[in-house]
Amino acid sequence: MFKLSDFFILLAVAVSFAISGLLWFEGKQMEGLFTAVWVPSILAFGIYFKLSSLLSKREQS
């Protein structure tokens, strides 16, 4: 159920979140906010690809 691609998507989210926090607390608030916007975007793409793969498996069977 949990594939390698899911791991990479969650890793990208975690890295983006960490970089965002790092930038924010270093005083670069605008850069931190810009990077924070990546988190929901990456998750949305991950959900889209996960659903499309599940639907394609369902249609094949």
C-alpha atoms as a PDB file:
ATOM      1  CA  MET A   1       0.000   0.000   0.000  1.00  0.00           C
ATOM      2  CA  PHE A   2       2.840   2.401   0.820  1.00  0.00           C
ATOM      3  CA  LYS A   3       5.025   2.567  -2.271  1.00  0.00           C
ATOM      4  CA  LEU A   4       8.430   4.109  -2.860  1.00  0.00           C
ATOM      5  CA  SER A   5       6.867   7.017  -4.742  1.00  0.00           C
ATOM      6  CA  ASP A   6       4.776   7.828  -1.650  1.00  0.00           C
ATOM      7  CA  PHE A   7       7.958   7.949   0.392  1.00  0.00           C
ATOM      8  CA  PHE A   8       9.567  10.393  -2.040  1.00  0.00           C
ATOM      9  CA  ILE A   9       6.519  12.657  -2.026  1.00  0.00           C
ATOM     10  CA  LEU A  10       6.505  12.750   1.776  1.00  0.00           C
ATOM     11  CA  LEU A  11      10.249  13.343   1.775  1.00  0.00           C
ATOM     12  CA  ALA A  12       9.813  16.305  -0.581  1.00  0.00           C
ATOM     13  CA  VAL A  13       7.101  17.704   1.691  1.00  0.00           C
ATOM     14  CA  ALA A  14       9.290  17.311   4.779  1.00  0.00           C
ATOM     15  CA  VAL A  15      12.283  18.944   3.101  1.00  0.00           C
ATOM     16  CA  SER A  16      10.155  21.826   1.859  1.00  0.00           C
ATOM     17  CA  PHE A  17       8.659  22.310   5.313  1.00  0.00           C
ATOM     18  CA  ALA A  18      12.091  22.240   6.973  1.00  0.00           C
ATOM     19  CA  ILE A  19      13.554  24.739   4.502  1.00  0.00           C
ATOM     20  CA  SER A  20      10.543  26.982   4.988  1.00  0.00           C
ATOM     21  CA  GLY A  21      10.958  26.959   8.763  1.00  0.00           C
ATOM     22  CA  LEU A  22      14.689  27.544   8.469  1.00  0.00           C
ATOM     23  CA  LEU A  23      14.194  30.546   6.196  1.00  0.00           C
ATOM     24  CA  TRP A  24      11.434  31.961   8.406  1.00  0.00           C
ATOM     25  CA  PHE A  25      13.494  31.810  11.590  1.00  0.00           C
ATOM     26  CA  GLU A  26      16.571  33.220   9.856  1.00  0.00           C
ATOM     27  CA  GLY A  27      14.589  36.393   9.216  1.00  0.00           C
ATOM     28  CA  LYS A  28      13.753  35.738   5.565  1.00  0.00           C
ATOM     29  CA  GLN A  29       9.978  35.700   6.026  1.00  0.00           C
ATOM     30  CA  MET A  30       9.032  36.224   2.365  1.00  0.00           C
ATOM     31  CA  GLU A  31      11.274  33.397   1.174  1.00  0.00           C
ATOM     32  CA  GLY A  32       9.949  31.190   3.966  1.00  0.00           C
ATOM     33  CA  LEU A  33       6.344  31.885   2.979  1.00  0.00           C
ATOM     34  CA  PHE A  34       7.129  31.212  -0.673  1.00  0.00           C
ATOM     35  CA  THR A  35       8.672  27.861   0.223  1.00  0.00           C
ATOM     36  CA  ALA A  36       5.781  27.050   2.568  1.00  0.00           C
ATOM     37  CA  VAL A  37       3.376  27.271  -0.381  1.00  0.00           C
ATOM     38  CA  TRP A  38       5.184  24.297  -1.926  1.00  0.00           C
ATOM     39  CA  VAL A  39       3.996  21.932   0.825  1.00  0.00           C
ATOM     40  CA  PRO A  40       0.283  21.792  -0.129  1.00  0.00           C
ATOM     41  CA  SER A  41       1.203  21.874  -3.819  1.00  0.00           C
ATOM     42  CA  ILE A  42       3.438  18.819  -3.506  1.00  0.00           C
ATOM     43  CA  LEU A  43       0.785  17.026  -1.455  1.00  0.00           C
ATOM     44  CA  ALA A  44      -1.881  17.851  -4.051  1.00  0.00           C
ATOM     45  CA  PHE A  45       0.263  16.451  -6.861  1.00  0.00           C
ATOM     46  CA  GLY A  46       0.969  13.351  -4.775  1.00  0.00           C
ATOM     47  CA  ILE A  47      -2.728  12.790  -4.117  1.00  0.00           C
ATOM     48  CA  TYR A  48      -3.524  13.262  -7.801  1.00  0.00           C
ATOM     49  CA  PHE A  49      -0.932  10.721  -8.932  1.00  0.00           C
ATOM     50  CA  LYS A  50      -1.941   8.263  -6.194  1.00  0.00           C
ATOM     51  CA  LEU A  51      -5.617   8.467  -7.193  1.00  0.00           C
ATOM     52  CA  SER A  52      -4.855   8.153 -10.884  1.00  0.00           C
ATOM     53  CA  SER A  53      -2.754   5.024 -10.271  1.00  0.00           C
ATOM     54  CA  LEU A  54      -5.486   3.516  -8.096  1.00  0.00           C
ATOM     55  CA  LEU A  55      -8.127   4.226 -10.710  1.00  0.00           C
ATOM     56  CA  SER A  56      -6.030   2.716 -13.485  1.00  0.00           C
ATOM     57  CA  LYS A  57      -5.527  -0.466 -11.390  1.00  0.00           C
ATOM     58  CA  ARG A  58      -9.256  -0.610 -10.736  1.00  0.00           C
ATOM     59  CA  GLU A  59     -10.106  -0.324 -14.442  1.00  0.00           C
ATOM     60  CA  GLN A  60      -7.670  -3.110 -15.358  1.00  0.00           C
ATOM     61  CA  SER A  61      -9.285  -5.646 -13.039  1.00  0.00           C
END
